Each structure stands twice: as C-alpha cells, then as structure tokens.
N, C-alpha and C. Protein backbone atom coordinates (compact mmCIF):
# COMPACT_ATOMS: atom_id res chain seq x y z
N MET A 1 -18.06 13.10 8.13
CA MET A 1 -16.58 12.94 8.04
C MET A 1 -16.15 14.09 6.63
N GLN A 2 -17.30 14.33 5.84
CA GLN A 2 -16.85 14.80 4.50
C GLN A 2 -16.66 16.56 5.18
N GLU A 3 -17.08 16.80 6.61
CA GLU A 3 -16.85 18.08 6.91
C GLU A 3 -15.14 18.25 7.63
N GLN A 4 -14.59 17.23 7.73
CA GLN A 4 -13.04 16.91 8.21
C GLN A 4 -12.51 16.89 6.91
N ILE A 5 -12.89 16.25 6.17
CA ILE A 5 -12.21 16.34 4.80
C ILE A 5 -12.01 17.74 4.49
N ILE A 6 -13.17 18.63 4.30
CA ILE A 6 -13.26 19.84 3.35
C ILE A 6 -12.05 20.81 4.71
N ALA A 7 -12.24 20.49 5.79
CA ALA A 7 -11.12 21.32 6.47
C ALA A 7 -9.88 20.97 6.07
N ILE A 8 -9.42 19.84 5.92
CA ILE A 8 -8.20 19.39 5.31
C ILE A 8 -7.88 20.27 4.05
N LEU A 9 -8.95 19.93 3.29
CA LEU A 9 -8.61 20.34 2.02
C LEU A 9 -8.24 21.85 1.91
N ASN A 10 -8.82 22.86 2.94
CA ASN A 10 -9.20 24.28 3.01
C ASN A 10 -7.55 24.50 3.69
N GLU A 11 -6.97 23.59 4.57
CA GLU A 11 -5.92 23.63 5.23
C GLU A 11 -4.44 23.45 3.95
N ILE A 12 -4.71 22.62 3.45
CA ILE A 12 -3.56 21.82 2.10
C ILE A 12 -3.84 23.10 0.93
N CYS A 13 -5.10 23.52 0.72
CA CYS A 13 -5.09 24.40 -0.36
C CYS A 13 -5.34 25.76 -0.26
N GLY A 14 -5.09 26.40 0.72
CA GLY A 14 -4.96 27.70 1.28
C GLY A 14 -6.57 28.01 0.58
N ALA A 15 -7.40 27.25 0.57
CA ALA A 15 -9.00 27.82 0.30
C ALA A 15 -9.64 28.83 1.35
N ASP A 16 -10.31 29.76 1.15
CA ASP A 16 -11.45 30.30 1.92
C ASP A 16 -12.30 29.21 2.46
N PRO A 17 -13.17 29.51 3.98
CA PRO A 17 -14.11 28.62 4.58
C PRO A 17 -15.27 28.94 3.16
N GLY A 18 -16.04 27.92 3.15
CA GLY A 18 -17.09 27.97 1.98
C GLY A 18 -16.81 27.84 0.79
N GLU A 19 -15.28 27.87 0.32
CA GLU A 19 -14.99 28.02 -1.29
C GLU A 19 -15.13 26.26 -1.87
N ILE A 20 -14.73 25.36 -0.79
CA ILE A 20 -15.02 23.90 -1.12
C ILE A 20 -16.27 23.36 -0.60
N ARG A 21 -17.03 22.90 -1.47
CA ARG A 21 -18.22 22.08 -1.12
C ARG A 21 -18.03 20.81 -1.66
N GLY A 22 -18.92 19.70 -1.11
CA GLY A 22 -18.89 18.53 -1.07
C GLY A 22 -18.76 18.09 -2.55
N ASP A 23 -19.29 18.89 -3.64
CA ASP A 23 -19.26 18.74 -5.08
C ASP A 23 -18.02 19.55 -5.75
N THR A 24 -17.51 20.08 -5.01
CA THR A 24 -16.37 20.88 -5.73
C THR A 24 -15.45 19.83 -6.33
N PRO A 25 -15.09 20.29 -7.65
CA PRO A 25 -14.17 19.51 -8.89
C PRO A 25 -12.94 19.53 -8.52
N LEU A 26 -12.29 19.06 -7.28
CA LEU A 26 -11.06 19.79 -7.05
C LEU A 26 -9.73 19.72 -8.14
N PHE A 27 -9.63 19.03 -8.90
CA PHE A 27 -8.52 18.82 -9.72
C PHE A 27 -8.91 20.04 -11.05
N ASP A 28 -10.15 20.04 -11.45
CA ASP A 28 -10.89 21.14 -12.46
C ASP A 28 -10.61 22.80 -11.79
N GLU A 29 -11.11 22.80 -10.59
CA GLU A 29 -10.97 24.04 -10.21
C GLU A 29 -9.03 24.78 -9.63
N GLY A 30 -8.62 23.86 -9.80
CA GLY A 30 -7.05 23.94 -9.57
C GLY A 30 -6.47 23.67 -8.09
N LEU A 31 -7.34 23.33 -7.37
CA LEU A 31 -7.05 23.23 -5.68
C LEU A 31 -6.34 22.11 -5.74
N LEU A 32 -6.70 20.73 -6.35
CA LEU A 32 -5.66 19.95 -5.80
C LEU A 32 -4.29 19.62 -7.22
N ASP A 33 -3.28 19.56 -7.21
CA ASP A 33 -2.10 19.25 -8.27
C ASP A 33 -1.63 17.83 -7.45
N SER A 34 -0.66 17.32 -8.33
CA SER A 34 -0.07 15.90 -7.59
C SER A 34 0.72 16.07 -6.48
N PHE A 35 1.31 17.72 -6.22
CA PHE A 35 2.11 17.59 -4.92
C PHE A 35 1.16 17.86 -3.50
N ALA A 36 -0.05 18.54 -3.91
CA ALA A 36 -1.27 18.41 -2.92
C ALA A 36 -1.89 17.37 -2.65
N LEU A 37 -2.03 16.57 -3.52
CA LEU A 37 -2.63 15.52 -3.50
C LEU A 37 -1.99 14.32 -2.37
N VAL A 38 -0.37 14.29 -2.43
CA VAL A 38 0.30 13.64 -1.81
C VAL A 38 0.05 14.12 -0.26
N GLN A 39 -0.07 15.44 -0.04
CA GLN A 39 -0.31 15.93 1.28
C GLN A 39 -1.61 15.97 1.78
N LEU A 40 -2.52 15.63 0.92
CA LEU A 40 -3.84 15.49 1.49
C LEU A 40 -3.97 13.95 1.60
N ILE A 41 -3.35 13.13 0.90
CA ILE A 41 -3.36 11.60 1.60
C ILE A 41 -2.51 11.34 2.74
N VAL A 42 -1.43 12.33 3.10
CA VAL A 42 -0.85 11.98 4.51
C VAL A 42 -1.62 12.40 5.45
N ALA A 43 -2.46 13.81 5.31
CA ALA A 43 -3.49 14.03 6.52
C ALA A 43 -4.32 13.56 6.37
N LEU A 44 -4.81 12.69 5.32
CA LEU A 44 -6.13 11.81 5.64
C LEU A 44 -5.94 10.77 6.61
N GLU A 45 -4.42 9.89 6.11
CA GLU A 45 -4.44 8.88 7.16
C GLU A 45 -3.75 9.31 8.49
N ASP A 46 -3.20 10.51 8.66
CA ASP A 46 -3.11 10.94 10.06
C ASP A 46 -4.30 11.24 10.67
N GLN A 47 -5.20 12.13 10.24
CA GLN A 47 -6.35 12.48 11.02
C GLN A 47 -7.67 11.72 11.05
N LEU A 48 -7.70 10.56 9.86
CA LEU A 48 -9.02 10.20 9.85
C LEU A 48 -8.55 8.31 10.16
N SER A 49 -7.58 7.99 10.51
CA SER A 49 -7.02 6.74 10.71
C SER A 49 -7.26 5.52 9.82
N VAL A 50 -6.90 6.16 8.37
CA VAL A 50 -7.00 5.25 7.21
C VAL A 50 -5.78 4.87 6.53
N SER A 51 -5.66 4.03 5.70
CA SER A 51 -4.62 3.53 5.05
C SER A 51 -4.83 3.63 3.65
N LEU A 52 -4.43 4.77 2.87
CA LEU A 52 -4.14 4.89 1.61
C LEU A 52 -3.12 4.47 0.55
N ASP A 53 -3.46 3.65 -0.22
CA ASP A 53 -2.32 3.25 -1.31
C ASP A 53 -2.41 4.24 -2.40
N PRO A 54 -1.50 5.10 -2.62
CA PRO A 54 -1.53 5.98 -3.92
C PRO A 54 -1.76 5.23 -5.19
N ALA A 55 -1.08 4.21 -5.60
CA ALA A 55 -1.11 3.33 -6.44
C ALA A 55 -2.43 2.80 -6.85
N GLU A 56 -3.16 2.21 -5.33
CA GLU A 56 -4.57 1.98 -6.08
C GLU A 56 -5.51 2.86 -6.11
N LEU A 57 -5.15 4.36 -5.71
CA LEU A 57 -6.34 5.67 -6.17
C LEU A 57 -6.27 5.81 -7.20
N GLU A 58 -7.49 5.85 -7.85
CA GLU A 58 -8.16 6.48 -9.35
C GLU A 58 -8.14 8.16 -8.80
N ARG A 59 -7.75 9.01 -9.97
CA ARG A 59 -8.23 10.11 -9.74
C ARG A 59 -9.52 10.50 -9.66
N SER A 60 -10.34 9.67 -9.98
CA SER A 60 -12.03 9.97 -9.53
C SER A 60 -12.23 10.05 -8.25
N ASP A 61 -11.55 9.02 -7.49
CA ASP A 61 -11.65 8.55 -6.22
C ASP A 61 -11.15 9.76 -5.37
N MET A 62 -10.63 10.61 -5.79
CA MET A 62 -9.91 12.03 -5.16
C MET A 62 -10.69 13.52 -5.84
N ALA A 63 -11.70 13.11 -6.62
CA ALA A 63 -12.12 14.51 -7.36
C ALA A 63 -12.89 15.49 -6.81
N THR A 64 -13.31 15.00 -5.67
CA THR A 64 -14.38 15.75 -5.01
C THR A 64 -14.22 15.69 -3.60
N PRO A 65 -14.53 16.43 -2.70
CA PRO A 65 -14.88 15.81 -0.95
C PRO A 65 -15.69 14.61 -0.90
N ALA A 66 -16.75 14.96 -1.49
CA ALA A 66 -17.85 13.59 -1.43
C ALA A 66 -16.87 12.39 -1.85
N ALA A 67 -16.40 12.51 -3.23
CA ALA A 67 -15.44 11.26 -3.64
C ALA A 67 -14.72 10.81 -2.73
N ILE A 68 -14.01 11.67 -2.02
CA ILE A 68 -12.81 11.20 -0.89
C ILE A 68 -13.23 10.67 0.19
N ALA A 69 -14.53 11.35 0.61
CA ALA A 69 -15.29 10.71 1.75
C ALA A 69 -15.75 9.34 1.17
N ALA A 70 -16.43 8.68 0.08
CA ALA A 70 -16.48 7.65 0.01
C ALA A 70 -15.36 6.68 0.23
N THR A 71 -14.27 7.00 -0.63
CA THR A 71 -12.85 6.39 -0.71
C THR A 71 -12.39 6.12 0.69
N VAL A 72 -12.35 7.11 1.70
CA VAL A 72 -12.18 6.67 2.98
C VAL A 72 -12.77 5.81 3.75
N ALA A 73 -14.11 5.94 3.54
CA ALA A 73 -15.16 5.01 3.99
C ALA A 73 -14.81 3.67 3.72
N VAL A 74 -14.79 3.36 2.37
CA VAL A 74 -14.36 1.92 1.86
C VAL A 74 -12.96 1.59 2.58
N HIS A 75 -11.88 2.16 2.84
CA HIS A 75 -10.64 1.93 3.11
C HIS A 75 -10.88 1.81 4.45
N ARG A 76 -11.60 2.22 5.08
CA ARG A 76 -11.80 2.22 6.65
C ARG A 76 -12.51 0.82 7.10
N ALA A 77 -13.48 0.23 6.20
CA ALA A 77 -14.00 -0.81 6.52
C ALA A 77 -13.25 -2.25 6.46
C-alpha cells in the first residue's frame, strides 16, 4: 500500500520518481501544504476505498508515506 501512496503523492506533489520514500517528511520538505493535503485525502479515499475525516487527523498521521499507510490501515479496519 505504501507504494500506492507514494505514487499518489508523486502525482499530487509533482515529485520525481524516487524523490519520495517511506520516511520522507512531507511537510518539512515542502511537498505537502494544506491544499495538497486535501487533494491527497480525496485521492486516498477514491483510490484506496477508505474514509478519512480531516477533522480527526493529526498532522503526524500524514507526516510521511509510512504514517499515511498506517493511518489508512487503521481507517480501513
């Protein structure tokens, strides 16, 4: 699932393949901002069949692709 999330992030952030890894700090690297985060949540919901409520998410839940994968896994269960 992490590979799918990285592919989604590459598309939203305009990142080059290999630029985003599982431990890449997305906010600190300037890859995600509030607008891109909304786009990411919508894409995750569409492509991974998960329901995410932005009001329930912490910044740390979306800080890295690995954290996003863990968040998606929790919300799928």
